[in-house]
PDB file of N, CA and C in Angstrom:
ATOM      1  N   MET A   1      64.019 -22.611 254.224  1.00  0.00           N
ATOM      2  CA  MET A   1      64.393 -21.389 253.805  1.00  0.00           C
ATOM      3  C   MET A   1      65.606 -20.579 254.456  1.00  0.00           C
ATOM      4  N   GLU A   2      66.329 -20.151 253.250  1.00  0.00           N
ATOM      5  CA  GLU A   2      67.671 -19.548 253.631  1.00  0.00           C
ATOM      6  C   GLU A   2      67.546 -18.137 254.137  1.00  0.00           C
ATOM      7  N   LEU A   3      68.115 -17.711 255.276  1.00  0.00           N
ATOM      8  CA  LEU A   3      67.910 -16.294 255.931  1.00  0.00           C
ATOM      9  C   LEU A   3      68.964 -15.498 255.022  1.00  0.00           C
ATOM     10  N   ASP A   4      68.252 -14.193 254.829  1.00  0.00           N
ATOM     11  CA  ASP A   4      68.954 -13.045 254.083  1.00  0.00           C
ATOM     12  C   ASP A   4      69.544 -12.300 255.205  1.00  0.00           C
ATOM     13  N   TRP A   5      70.939 -12.614 255.426  1.00  0.00           N
ATOM     14  CA  TRP A   5      71.640 -11.911 256.374  1.00  0.00           C
ATOM     15  C   TRP A   5      71.634 -10.346 256.123  1.00  0.00           C
ATOM     16  N   HIS A   6      71.457 -10.117 254.919  1.00  0.00           N
ATOM     17  CA  HIS A   6      71.575  -8.515 254.631  1.00  0.00           C
ATOM     18  C   HIS A   6      70.412  -7.778 255.108  1.00  0.00           C
ATOM     19  N   SER A   7      69.250  -8.364 255.138  1.00  0.00           N
ATOM     20  CA  SER A   7      67.924  -7.587 255.302  1.00  0.00           C
ATOM     21  C   SER A   7      66.946  -8.178 256.246  1.00  0.00           C
ATOM     22  N   ALA A   8      67.252  -9.235 256.845  1.00  0.00           N
ATOM     23  CA  ALA A   8      66.156  -9.951 257.835  1.00  0.00           C
ATOM     24  C   ALA A   8      66.322  -9.118 258.878  1.00  0.00           C
ATOM     25  N   VAL A   9      65.081  -9.389 259.763  1.00  0.00           N
ATOM     26  CA  VAL A   9      64.867  -8.713 261.142  1.00  0.00           C
ATOM     27  C   VAL A   9      65.533  -9.715 261.974  1.00  0.00           C
ATOM     28  N   LEU A  10      66.608  -9.249 262.833  1.00  0.00           N
ATOM     29  CA  LEU A  10      67.563 -10.361 263.653  1.00  0.00           C
ATOM     30  C   LEU A  10      66.990 -10.014 265.132  1.00  0.00           C
ATOM     31  N   THR A  11      67.029 -11.202 265.692  1.00  0.00           N
ATOM     32  CA  THR A  11      66.815 -11.137 267.082  1.00  0.00           C
ATOM     33  C   THR A  11      67.658 -12.056 267.906  1.00  0.00           C
ATOM     34  N   ARG A  12      67.694 -12.060 269.120  1.00  0.00           N
ATOM     35  CA  ARG A  12      68.756 -12.986 269.825  1.00  0.00           C
ATOM     36  C   ARG A  12      68.385 -14.490 269.501  1.00  0.00           C
ATOM     37  N   ALA A  13      67.051 -14.739 269.201  1.00  0.00           N
ATOM     38  CA  ALA A  13      66.802 -16.242 268.840  1.00  0.00           C
ATOM     39  C   ALA A  13      67.099 -16.621 267.306  1.00  0.00           C
ATOM     40  N   THR A  14      67.657 -15.655 266.674  1.00  0.00           N
ATOM     41  CA  THR A  14      68.006 -16.002 265.320  1.00  0.00           C
ATOM     42  C   THR A  14      69.004 -17.090 265.180  1.00  0.00           C
ATOM     43  N   ILE A  15      69.007 -18.247 264.535  1.00  0.00           N
ATOM     44  CA  ILE A  15      69.883 -19.404 264.683  1.00  0.00           C
ATOM     45  C   ILE A  15      71.004 -18.839 263.345  1.00  0.00           C
ATOM     46  N   VAL A  16      72.313 -19.065 263.998  1.00  0.00           N
ATOM     47  CA  VAL A  16      73.430 -18.884 263.072  1.00  0.00           C
ATOM     48  C   VAL A  16      73.505 -20.153 262.302  1.00  0.00           C
ATOM     49  N   ASP A  17      73.235 -20.206 261.001  1.00  0.00           N
ATOM     50  CA  ASP A  17      73.206 -21.249 260.190  1.00  0.00           C
ATOM     51  C   ASP A  17      74.590 -21.268 259.142  1.00  0.00           C
ATOM     52  N   LYS A  18      74.495 -22.338 258.571  1.00  0.00           N
ATOM     53  CA  LYS A  18      75.879 -22.561 257.755  1.00  0.00           C
ATOM     54  C   LYS A  18      76.015 -21.368 256.563  1.00  0.00           C
ATOM     55  N   ASN A  19      74.830 -20.566 256.342  1.00  0.00           N
ATOM     56  CA  ASN A  19      75.060 -19.448 255.419  1.00  0.00           C
ATOM     57  C   ASN A  19      75.237 -18.181 256.123  1.00  0.00           C
ATOM     58  N   TYR A  20      75.582 -18.135 257.378  1.00  0.00           N
ATOM     59  CA  TYR A  20      75.717 -16.762 258.089  1.00  0.00           C
ATOM     60  C   TYR A  20      76.929 -16.055 257.491  1.00  0.00           C
ATOM     61  N   LYS A  21      76.664 -14.719 257.579  1.00  0.00           N
ATOM     62  CA  LYS A  21      77.530 -13.961 257.007  1.00  0.00           C
ATOM     63  C   LYS A  21      77.720 -12.622 257.686  1.00  0.00           C
ATOM     64  N   ASN A  22      78.907 -11.990 258.034  1.00  0.00           N
ATOM     65  CA  ASN A  22      79.034 -10.849 258.832  1.00  0.00           C
ATOM     66  C   ASN A  22      78.769  -9.633 258.029  1.00  0.00           C
ATOM     67  N   THR A  23      77.382  -9.267 257.938  1.00  0.00           N
ATOM     68  CA  THR A  23      76.799  -8.275 257.236  1.00  0.00           C
ATOM     69  C   THR A  23      76.693  -7.007 257.962  1.00  0.00           C
ATOM     70  N   GLN A  24      76.500  -5.787 257.396  1.00  0.00           N
ATOM     71  CA  GLN A  24      76.262  -4.609 258.072  1.00  0.00           C
ATOM     72  C   GLN A  24      74.936  -4.772 258.850  1.00  0.00           C
ATOM     73  N   ASN A  25      74.065  -5.558 258.473  1.00  0.00           N
ATOM     74  CA  ASN A  25      72.696  -5.672 259.116  1.00  0.00           C
ATOM     75  C   ASN A  25      73.203  -6.387 260.680  1.00  0.00           C
ATOM     76  N   VAL A  26      73.971  -7.529 260.335  1.00  0.00           N
ATOM     77  CA  VAL A  26      74.408  -8.111 261.510  1.00  0.00           C
ATOM     78  C   VAL A  26      75.247  -7.257 262.502  1.00  0.00           C
ATOM     79  N   ARG A  27      76.105  -6.438 261.970  1.00  0.00           N
ATOM     80  CA  ARG A  27      76.901  -5.501 262.723  1.00  0.00           C
ATOM     81  C   ARG A  27      75.952  -4.656 263.538  1.00  0.00           C
ATOM     82  N   ARG A  28      74.877  -4.005 262.745  1.00  0.00           N
ATOM     83  CA  ARG A  28      74.044  -3.147 263.679  1.00  0.00           C
ATOM     84  C   ARG A  28      73.412  -3.795 264.641  1.00  0.00           C
ATOM     85  N   PHE A  29      72.921  -5.094 264.428  1.00  0.00           N
ATOM     86  CA  PHE A  29      72.275  -5.686 265.572  1.00  0.00           C
ATOM     87  C   PHE A  29      73.156  -5.810 266.742  1.00  0.00           C
ATOM     88  N   LEU A  30      74.550  -6.304 266.419  1.00  0.00           N
ATOM     89  CA  LEU A  30      75.419  -6.761 267.583  1.00  0.00           C
ATOM     90  C   LEU A  30      75.878  -5.179 268.415  1.00  0.00           C
ATOM     91  N   VAL A  31      75.972  -4.153 267.417  1.00  0.00           N
ATOM     92  CA  VAL A  31      76.094  -3.034 268.318  1.00  0.00           C
ATOM     93  C   VAL A  31      75.004  -2.625 269.032  1.00  0.00           C
ATOM     94  N   GLU A  32      73.852  -2.562 268.691  1.00  0.00           N
ATOM     95  CA  GLU A  32      72.666  -2.355 269.585  1.00  0.00           C
ATOM     96  C   GLU A  32      72.561  -3.354 270.785  1.00  0.00           C
ATOM     97  N   GLN A  33      72.965  -4.580 270.677  1.00  0.00           N
ATOM     98  CA  GLN A  33      72.864  -5.625 271.881  1.00  0.00           C
ATOM     99  C   GLN A  33      74.193  -5.338 272.475  1.00  0.00           C
ATOM    100  N   CYS A  34      75.404  -5.161 272.012  1.00  0.00           N
ATOM    101  CA  CYS A  34      76.583  -5.144 272.875  1.00  0.00           C
ATOM    102  C   CYS A  34      77.190  -3.672 273.254  1.00  0.00           C
ATOM    103  N   GLY A  35      76.693  -2.803 272.412  1.00  0.00           N
ATOM    104  CA  GLY A  35      77.215  -1.362 272.709  1.00  0.00           C
ATOM    105  C   GLY A  35      77.941  -0.771 271.614  1.00  0.00           C
ATOM    106  N   GLU A  36      78.455   0.414 271.484  1.00  0.00           N
ATOM    107  CA  GLU A  36      79.101   1.188 270.566  1.00  0.00           C
ATOM    108  C   GLU A  36      80.556   0.603 270.342  1.00  0.00           C
ATOM    109  N   SER A  37      81.057  -0.163 271.340  1.00  0.00           N
ATOM    110  CA  SER A  37      82.434  -0.577 271.457  1.00  0.00           C
ATOM    111  C   SER A  37      82.543  -2.021 270.647  1.00  0.00           C
ATOM    112  N   PHE A  38      81.487  -2.461 270.228  1.00  0.00           N
ATOM    113  CA  PHE A  38      81.290  -3.824 269.556  1.00  0.00           C
ATOM    114  C   PHE A  38      82.276  -3.627 268.143  1.00  0.00           C
ATOM    115  N   ARG A  39      83.076  -4.628 268.080  1.00  0.00           N
ATOM    116  CA  ARG A  39      84.027  -4.812 266.756  1.00  0.00           C
ATOM    117  C   ARG A  39      84.281  -6.368 266.683  1.00  0.00           C
ATOM    118  N   PHE A  40      83.941  -6.724 265.170  1.00  0.00           N
ATOM    119  CA  PHE A  40      84.489  -8.149 264.875  1.00  0.00           C
ATOM    120  C   PHE A  40      86.065  -8.184 264.808  1.00  0.00           C
ATOM    121  N   ASP A  41      86.530  -9.221 265.146  1.00  0.00           N
ATOM    122  CA  ASP A  41      87.902  -9.434 265.005  1.00  0.00           C
ATOM    123  C   ASP A  41      88.136 -10.976 264.500  1.00  0.00           C
ATOM    124  N   ARG A  42      89.211 -11.231 264.130  1.00  0.00           N
ATOM    125  CA  ARG A  42      89.223 -12.571 263.276  1.00  0.00           C
ATOM    126  C   ARG A  42      89.055 -13.777 264.267  1.00  0.00           C
ATOM    127  N   ASP A  43      89.538 -13.647 265.393  1.00  0.00           N
ATOM    128  CA  ASP A  43      89.045 -14.835 266.318  1.00  0.00           C
ATOM    129  C   ASP A  43      87.642 -15.077 266.477  1.00  0.00           C
ATOM    130  N   PHE A  44      86.945 -13.773 266.771  1.00  0.00           N
ATOM    131  CA  PHE A  44      85.563 -13.817 267.108  1.00  0.00           C
ATOM    132  C   PHE A  44      84.667 -14.384 266.000  1.00  0.00           C
ATOM    133  N   MET A  45      85.070 -13.817 264.856  1.00  0.00           N
ATOM    134  CA  MET A  45      84.332 -14.486 263.506  1.00  0.00           C
ATOM    135  C   MET A  45      84.600 -15.697 263.389  1.00  0.00           C
ATOM    136  N   ALA A  46      85.773 -16.274 263.589  1.00  0.00           N
ATOM    137  CA  ALA A  46      85.932 -17.651 263.583  1.00  0.00           C
ATOM    138  C   ALA A  46      85.218 -18.471 264.666  1.00  0.00           C
ATOM    139  N   TRP A  47      84.878 -17.977 265.641  1.00  0.00           N
ATOM    140  CA  TRP A  47      84.191 -18.531 266.729  1.00  0.00           C
ATOM    141  C   TRP A  47      82.732 -18.731 266.156  1.00  0.00           C
ATOM    142  N   ILE A  48      82.229 -17.618 265.525  1.00  0.00           N
ATOM    143  CA  ILE A  48      80.958 -17.636 265.324  1.00  0.00           C
ATOM    144  C   ILE A  48      80.636 -18.554 264.205  1.00  0.00           C
ATOM    145  N   LYS A  49      81.539 -18.760 263.200  1.00  0.00           N
ATOM    146  CA  LYS A  49      81.422 -19.808 262.099  1.00  0.00           C
ATOM    147  C   LYS A  49      82.160 -21.007 262.287  1.00  0.00           C
ATOM    148  N   ASN A  50      82.370 -21.535 263.600  1.00  0.00           N
ATOM    149  CA  ASN A  50      82.750 -22.906 264.095  1.00  0.00           C
ATOM    150  C   ASN A  50      81.840 -24.126 263.825  1.00  0.00           C
ATOM    151  N   ASP A  51      80.932 -23.954 263.411  1.00  0.00           N
ATOM    152  CA  ASP A  51      80.081 -25.194 262.856  1.00  0.00           C
ATOM    153  C   ASP A  51      79.493 -25.610 264.187  1.00  0.00           C
ATOM    154  N   THR A  52      79.379 -25.005 265.448  1.00  0.00           N
ATOM    155  CA  THR A  52      78.688 -25.187 266.595  1.00  0.00           C
ATOM    156  C   THR A  52      77.439 -24.402 266.383  1.00  0.00           C
ATOM    157  N   GLN A  53      76.490 -25.349 266.800  1.00  0.00           N
ATOM    158  CA  GLN A  53      74.883 -24.423 266.504  1.00  0.00           C
ATOM    159  C   GLN A  53      74.955 -23.449 267.829  1.00  0.00           C
ATOM    160  N   LYS A  54      74.419 -22.317 267.122  1.00  0.00           N
ATOM    161  CA  LYS A  54      74.292 -21.066 268.311  1.00  0.00           C
ATOM    162  C   LYS A  54      73.222 -20.151 267.563  1.00  0.00           C
ATOM    163  N   THR A  55      72.795 -19.345 268.546  1.00  0.00           N
ATOM    164  CA  THR A  55      71.977 -18.233 268.089  1.00  0.00           C
ATOM    165  C   THR A  55      72.751 -16.864 268.316  1.00  0.00           C
ATOM    166  N   LEU A  56      72.143 -15.866 267.579  1.00  0.00           N
ATOM    167  CA  LEU A  56      72.702 -14.370 267.811  1.00  0.00           C
ATOM    168  C   LEU A  56      72.881 -14.159 269.201  1.00  0.00           C
ATOM    169  N   GLY A  57      71.889 -14.627 270.168  1.00  0.00           N
ATOM    170  CA  GLY A  57      71.898 -14.297 271.696  1.00  0.00           C
ATOM    171  C   GLY A  57      73.273 -15.117 272.140  1.00  0.00           C
ATOM    172  N   ASP A  58      73.564 -16.188 271.761  1.00  0.00           N
ATOM    173  CA  ASP A  58      74.807 -16.867 272.118  1.00  0.00           C
ATOM    174  C   ASP A  58      76.040 -16.030 271.400  1.00  0.00           C
ATOM    175  N   VAL A  59      75.915 -15.448 270.338  1.00  0.00           N
ATOM    176  CA  VAL A  59      77.083 -14.470 270.002  1.00  0.00           C
ATOM    177  C   VAL A  59      77.209 -13.350 270.939  1.00  0.00           C
ATOM    178  N   VAL A  60      75.989 -12.637 271.172  1.00  0.00           N
ATOM    179  CA  VAL A  60      75.965 -11.438 272.011  1.00  0.00           C
ATOM    180  C   VAL A  60      76.796 -11.794 273.477  1.00  0.00           C
ATOM    181  N   GLU A  61      76.537 -13.128 273.956  1.00  0.00           N
ATOM    182  CA  GLU A  61      76.900 -13.267 275.270  1.00  0.00           C
ATOM    183  C   GLU A  61      78.412 -13.648 275.210  1.00  0.00           C
ATOM    184  N   GLU A  62      78.940 -14.341 274.152  1.00  0.00           N
ATOM    185  CA  GLU A  62      80.135 -14.628 273.959  1.00  0.00           C
ATOM    186  C   GLU A  62      81.045 -13.387 273.885  1.00  0.00           C
ATOM    187  N   TRP A  63      80.485 -12.485 273.138  1.00  0.00           N
ATOM    188  CA  TRP A  63      81.314 -11.095 273.023  1.00  0.00           C
ATOM    189  C   TRP A  63      81.401 -10.624 274.162  1.00  0.00           C
ATOM    190  N   LYS A  64      80.314 -10.285 274.891  1.00  0.00           N
ATOM    191  CA  LYS A  64      80.357  -9.804 276.216  1.00  0.00           C
ATOM    192  C   LYS A  64      81.353 -10.515 277.248  1.00  0.00           C
ATOM    193  N   ARG A  65      81.410 -11.884 277.328  1.00  0.00           N
ATOM    194  CA  ARG A  65      82.398 -12.506 277.994  1.00  0.00           C
ATOM    195  C   ARG A  65      83.702 -12.202 277.584  1.00  0.00           C
ATOM    196  N   ARG A  66      83.977 -12.147 276.418  1.00  0.00           N
ATOM    197  CA  ARG A  66      85.363 -11.716 275.881  1.00  0.00           C
ATOM    198  C   ARG A  66      85.869 -10.298 276.453  1.00  0.00           C
ATOM    199  N   GLN A  67      84.938  -9.386 276.753  1.00  0.00           N
ATOM    200  CA  GLN A  67      85.397  -8.163 276.990  1.00  0.00           C
ATOM    201  C   GLN A  67      85.776  -7.986 278.617  1.00  0.00           C
TER     202      GLN A  67
END
């Protein structure tokens, strides 16, 4: 079943699949996890969609590592 990135309840265990989208729902989750300074940039968005299996927890940790 395809995840609706616009309205699904997201957790750190949510798998980033081939249908991943940078939605406002995802942004809200990442701001909650990473803090108000969270921002998407092109390099980070490319990393999220690089076809390597990851979870939103991995995304959070990578963003924090880059800061």
